[in-house]
Amino acid sequence: MTISLGEKIKKEKEKYGTLGNTYEMFPVGTRVQVITLGQDMIFFNGNEIGTVIRNSGNYLGIIVKFDEEYQKHYKSGYIMEEFNFKPEDLIILKYG
């Protein structure tokens, strides 16, 4: 049986227990891991690590700057160094 990407994303959020996350949990400087497989039509591996650099407290308002090894490099030469997330897309790393 196959499942949709949306169902897989929901299962990841349930697995990591992030559905109750709030914006207040992610102040600037927080080290995080992206656990969602997709957000705003951009796809992720679910293991990207970075640091919160902005948090507006609104929809997709947590801006994460990825560690260099997790930045996305496109054929056009563009490098996606940061992206915007919801609290449930992230887990807080307890180390580094």
N, C-alpha and C. Protein backbone atom coordinates (compact mmCIF):
# COMPACT_ATOMS: atom_id res chain seq x y z
N MET A 1 0.84 -1.17 0.00
CA MET A 1 0.00 0.00 0.00
C MET A 1 0.89 1.25 0.00
N THR A 2 0.55 2.21 -0.81
CA THR A 2 1.29 3.46 -0.85
C THR A 2 0.50 4.54 -0.12
N ILE A 3 1.23 5.54 0.35
CA ILE A 3 0.56 6.68 0.99
C ILE A 3 1.00 7.95 0.30
N SER A 4 0.20 8.98 0.43
CA SER A 4 0.52 10.26 -0.21
C SER A 4 1.61 10.98 0.58
N LEU A 5 2.21 11.96 -0.05
CA LEU A 5 3.24 12.76 0.62
C LEU A 5 2.63 13.47 1.83
N GLY A 6 1.42 13.97 1.67
CA GLY A 6 0.74 14.63 2.79
C GLY A 6 0.55 13.70 3.98
N GLU A 7 0.19 12.46 3.71
CA GLU A 7 0.03 11.48 4.80
C GLU A 7 1.38 11.16 5.44
N LYS A 8 2.43 11.06 4.64
CA LYS A 8 3.77 10.79 5.17
C LYS A 8 4.24 11.95 6.05
N ILE A 9 3.99 13.18 5.62
CA ILE A 9 4.36 14.35 6.41
C ILE A 9 3.63 14.33 7.75
N LYS A 10 2.34 14.01 7.72
CA LYS A 10 1.56 13.94 8.96
C LYS A 10 2.12 12.87 9.89
N LYS A 11 2.49 11.72 9.34
CA LYS A 11 3.06 10.64 10.14
C LYS A 11 4.38 11.06 10.79
N GLU A 12 5.20 11.80 10.07
CA GLU A 12 6.46 12.28 10.64
C GLU A 12 6.20 13.22 11.81
N LYS A 13 5.22 14.11 11.66
CA LYS A 13 4.89 15.05 12.74
C LYS A 13 4.35 14.31 13.95
N GLU A 14 3.57 13.27 13.73
CA GLU A 14 3.07 12.44 14.83
C GLU A 14 4.22 11.67 15.48
N LYS A 15 5.10 11.12 14.66
CA LYS A 15 6.25 10.34 15.16
C LYS A 15 7.12 11.18 16.09
N TYR A 16 7.38 12.43 15.71
CA TYR A 16 8.24 13.30 16.50
C TYR A 16 7.47 14.12 17.54
N GLY A 17 6.14 14.03 17.53
CA GLY A 17 5.34 14.74 18.52
C GLY A 17 5.38 16.25 18.39
N THR A 18 5.40 16.74 17.15
CA THR A 18 5.56 18.18 16.95
C THR A 18 4.24 18.93 16.72
N LEU A 19 3.13 18.22 16.69
CA LEU A 19 1.86 18.89 16.38
C LEU A 19 1.48 19.93 17.41
N GLY A 20 2.01 19.83 18.63
CA GLY A 20 1.72 20.81 19.67
C GLY A 20 2.77 21.91 19.80
N ASN A 21 3.76 21.92 18.90
CA ASN A 21 4.79 22.96 18.95
C ASN A 21 4.18 24.34 18.76
N THR A 22 4.80 25.35 19.39
CA THR A 22 4.34 26.73 19.25
C THR A 22 5.49 27.61 18.77
N TYR A 23 5.16 28.77 18.25
CA TYR A 23 6.19 29.70 17.78
C TYR A 23 7.12 30.12 18.92
N GLU A 24 6.57 30.23 20.12
CA GLU A 24 7.36 30.66 21.28
C GLU A 24 8.49 29.68 21.62
N MET A 25 8.38 28.46 21.17
CA MET A 25 9.39 27.44 21.44
C MET A 25 10.66 27.64 20.60
N PHE A 26 10.63 28.56 19.62
CA PHE A 26 11.72 28.69 18.65
C PHE A 26 12.28 30.10 18.59
N PRO A 27 12.90 30.57 19.67
CA PRO A 27 13.52 31.90 19.61
C PRO A 27 14.73 31.90 18.67
N VAL A 28 15.14 33.07 18.25
CA VAL A 28 16.32 33.22 17.41
C VAL A 28 17.50 32.55 18.12
N GLY A 29 18.27 31.79 17.36
CA GLY A 29 19.44 31.10 17.88
C GLY A 29 19.19 29.63 18.20
N THR A 30 17.93 29.20 18.18
CA THR A 30 17.60 27.80 18.48
C THR A 30 18.12 26.90 17.37
N ARG A 31 18.80 25.82 17.74
CA ARG A 31 19.26 24.82 16.77
C ARG A 31 18.12 23.85 16.53
N VAL A 32 17.82 23.61 15.26
CA VAL A 32 16.67 22.78 14.91
C VAL A 32 17.01 21.79 13.81
N GLN A 33 16.14 20.78 13.71
CA GLN A 33 16.16 19.84 12.60
C GLN A 33 14.82 19.91 11.92
N VAL A 34 14.82 19.96 10.61
CA VAL A 34 13.59 19.94 9.82
C VAL A 34 13.11 18.49 9.77
N ILE A 35 11.86 18.26 10.16
CA ILE A 35 11.34 16.88 10.11
C ILE A 35 10.24 16.73 9.05
N THR A 36 9.79 17.84 8.50
CA THR A 36 8.79 17.74 7.43
C THR A 36 9.48 17.37 6.13
N LEU A 37 8.75 16.71 5.26
CA LEU A 37 9.28 16.34 3.95
C LEU A 37 8.93 17.36 2.88
N GLY A 38 8.07 18.31 3.23
CA GLY A 38 7.70 19.34 2.27
C GLY A 38 7.01 20.51 2.95
N GLN A 39 7.30 21.71 2.45
CA GLN A 39 6.65 22.91 2.94
C GLN A 39 6.65 23.93 1.81
N ASP A 40 5.48 24.48 1.52
CA ASP A 40 5.36 25.56 0.52
C ASP A 40 5.95 25.15 -0.83
N MET A 41 5.68 23.90 -1.23
CA MET A 41 6.12 23.33 -2.51
C MET A 41 7.64 23.16 -2.64
N ILE A 42 8.33 23.13 -1.51
CA ILE A 42 9.76 22.80 -1.47
C ILE A 42 9.88 21.50 -0.70
N PHE A 43 10.72 20.60 -1.15
CA PHE A 43 10.82 19.28 -0.54
C PHE A 43 12.13 19.12 0.22
N PHE A 44 12.06 18.35 1.30
CA PHE A 44 13.19 18.17 2.20
C PHE A 44 13.39 16.68 2.46
N ASN A 45 14.58 16.34 2.96
CA ASN A 45 14.88 14.96 3.33
C ASN A 45 14.37 14.61 4.72
N GLY A 46 14.06 15.63 5.51
CA GLY A 46 13.61 15.40 6.88
C GLY A 46 14.76 15.26 7.85
N ASN A 47 15.94 15.70 7.44
CA ASN A 47 17.11 15.62 8.33
C ASN A 47 17.96 16.89 8.29
N GLU A 48 17.48 17.93 7.61
CA GLU A 48 18.24 19.16 7.49
C GLU A 48 18.37 19.84 8.86
N ILE A 49 19.55 20.37 9.14
CA ILE A 49 19.83 21.01 10.43
C ILE A 49 20.22 22.46 10.18
N GLY A 50 19.78 23.32 11.09
CA GLY A 50 20.12 24.73 10.98
C GLY A 50 19.77 25.48 12.25
N THR A 51 19.77 26.82 12.13
CA THR A 51 19.56 27.71 13.25
C THR A 51 18.44 28.69 12.91
N VAL A 52 17.56 28.92 13.87
CA VAL A 52 16.49 29.91 13.68
C VAL A 52 17.14 31.29 13.64
N ILE A 53 16.87 32.05 12.56
CA ILE A 53 17.42 33.40 12.44
C ILE A 53 16.35 34.48 12.54
N ARG A 54 15.07 34.10 12.36
CA ARG A 54 13.95 35.03 12.54
C ARG A 54 12.73 34.22 12.94
N ASN A 55 11.84 34.88 13.67
CA ASN A 55 10.58 34.23 14.06
C ASN A 55 9.54 35.32 14.21
N SER A 56 8.64 35.42 13.23
CA SER A 56 7.60 36.45 13.25
C SER A 56 6.41 36.04 14.10
N GLY A 57 6.33 34.76 14.45
CA GLY A 57 5.19 34.27 15.21
C GLY A 57 3.94 34.08 14.36
N ASN A 58 4.08 34.18 13.06
CA ASN A 58 2.97 34.01 12.13
C ASN A 58 3.21 32.83 11.21
N TYR A 59 2.21 32.51 10.41
CA TYR A 59 2.25 31.40 9.45
C TYR A 59 3.58 31.36 8.70
N LEU A 60 4.25 30.21 8.74
CA LEU A 60 5.55 30.00 8.09
C LEU A 60 6.58 31.04 8.51
N GLY A 61 6.48 31.52 9.74
CA GLY A 61 7.30 32.63 10.19
C GLY A 61 8.60 32.25 10.87
N ILE A 62 8.91 30.97 10.99
CA ILE A 62 10.18 30.57 11.58
C ILE A 62 11.18 30.38 10.44
N ILE A 63 12.15 31.28 10.36
CA ILE A 63 13.14 31.23 9.29
C ILE A 63 14.38 30.51 9.80
N VAL A 64 14.73 29.43 9.12
CA VAL A 64 15.88 28.61 9.50
C VAL A 64 16.97 28.79 8.47
N LYS A 65 18.17 29.14 8.95
CA LYS A 65 19.35 29.15 8.08
C LYS A 65 20.01 27.79 8.24
N PHE A 66 20.12 27.08 7.13
CA PHE A 66 20.67 25.73 7.14
C PHE A 66 22.18 25.74 7.33
N ASP A 67 22.67 24.73 8.04
CA ASP A 67 24.11 24.50 8.08
C ASP A 67 24.56 24.28 6.63
N GLU A 68 25.80 24.62 6.34
CA GLU A 68 26.29 24.60 4.97
C GLU A 68 26.04 23.28 4.25
N GLU A 69 26.23 22.16 4.94
CA GLU A 69 26.07 20.86 4.27
C GLU A 69 24.62 20.53 3.93
N TYR A 70 23.66 21.31 4.46
CA TYR A 70 22.24 21.06 4.18
C TYR A 70 21.63 22.09 3.24
N GLN A 71 22.43 23.04 2.77
CA GLN A 71 21.92 24.02 1.81
C GLN A 71 21.65 23.34 0.48
N LYS A 72 20.61 23.82 -0.21
CA LYS A 72 20.24 23.22 -1.50
C LYS A 72 20.90 24.01 -2.63
N HIS A 73 21.58 23.28 -3.51
CA HIS A 73 22.26 23.89 -4.65
C HIS A 73 21.48 23.53 -5.92
N TYR A 74 21.07 24.55 -6.65
CA TYR A 74 20.28 24.36 -7.86
C TYR A 74 21.15 24.53 -9.10
N LYS A 75 20.71 23.93 -10.21
CA LYS A 75 21.45 24.00 -11.48
C LYS A 75 21.68 25.44 -11.93
N SER A 76 20.74 26.33 -11.58
CA SER A 76 20.85 27.73 -11.99
C SER A 76 21.98 28.45 -11.27
N GLY A 77 22.52 27.83 -10.22
CA GLY A 77 23.56 28.47 -9.42
C GLY A 77 23.02 29.03 -8.10
N TYR A 78 21.70 29.10 -7.99
CA TYR A 78 21.09 29.59 -6.75
C TYR A 78 21.36 28.61 -5.61
N ILE A 79 21.67 29.14 -4.45
CA ILE A 79 21.85 28.32 -3.25
C ILE A 79 20.80 28.73 -2.24
N MET A 80 19.94 27.80 -1.86
CA MET A 80 18.93 28.08 -0.85
C MET A 80 19.57 27.87 0.51
N GLU A 81 19.88 28.96 1.19
CA GLU A 81 20.56 28.91 2.48
C GLU A 81 19.58 28.91 3.65
N GLU A 82 18.36 29.38 3.42
CA GLU A 82 17.37 29.48 4.50
C GLU A 82 15.98 29.22 3.95
N PHE A 83 15.07 28.89 4.85
CA PHE A 83 13.68 28.67 4.44
C PHE A 83 12.77 28.91 5.62
N ASN A 84 11.48 29.05 5.32
CA ASN A 84 10.46 29.38 6.31
C ASN A 84 9.61 28.16 6.67
N PHE A 85 9.33 28.01 7.98
CA PHE A 85 8.62 26.84 8.47
C PHE A 85 7.57 27.21 9.50
N LYS A 86 6.71 26.22 9.77
CA LYS A 86 5.77 26.28 10.88
C LYS A 86 6.41 25.52 12.05
N PRO A 87 5.96 25.78 13.28
CA PRO A 87 6.56 25.08 14.43
C PRO A 87 6.50 23.56 14.32
N GLU A 88 5.45 23.04 13.77
CA GLU A 88 5.30 21.57 13.70
C GLU A 88 6.24 20.93 12.68
N ASP A 89 6.92 21.74 11.87
CA ASP A 89 7.87 21.23 10.88
C ASP A 89 9.24 20.95 11.48
N LEU A 90 9.46 21.34 12.74
CA LEU A 90 10.79 21.36 13.33
C LEU A 90 10.85 20.65 14.68
N ILE A 91 12.02 20.13 14.98
CA ILE A 91 12.31 19.68 16.35
C ILE A 91 13.51 20.48 16.86
N ILE A 92 13.54 20.69 18.15
CA ILE A 92 14.64 21.40 18.78
C ILE A 92 15.75 20.41 19.08
N LEU A 93 16.96 20.76 18.67
CA LEU A 93 18.11 19.90 18.95
C LEU A 93 18.66 20.24 20.34
N LYS A 94 18.97 19.25 21.10
CA LYS A 94 19.45 19.45 22.47
C LYS A 94 20.95 19.65 22.53
N TYR A 95 21.62 19.49 21.41
CA TYR A 95 23.07 19.65 21.35
C TYR A 95 23.41 20.66 20.28
N GLY A 96 24.64 21.18 20.32
CA GLY A 96 25.22 22.08 19.34
C GLY A 96 24.28 22.86 18.58
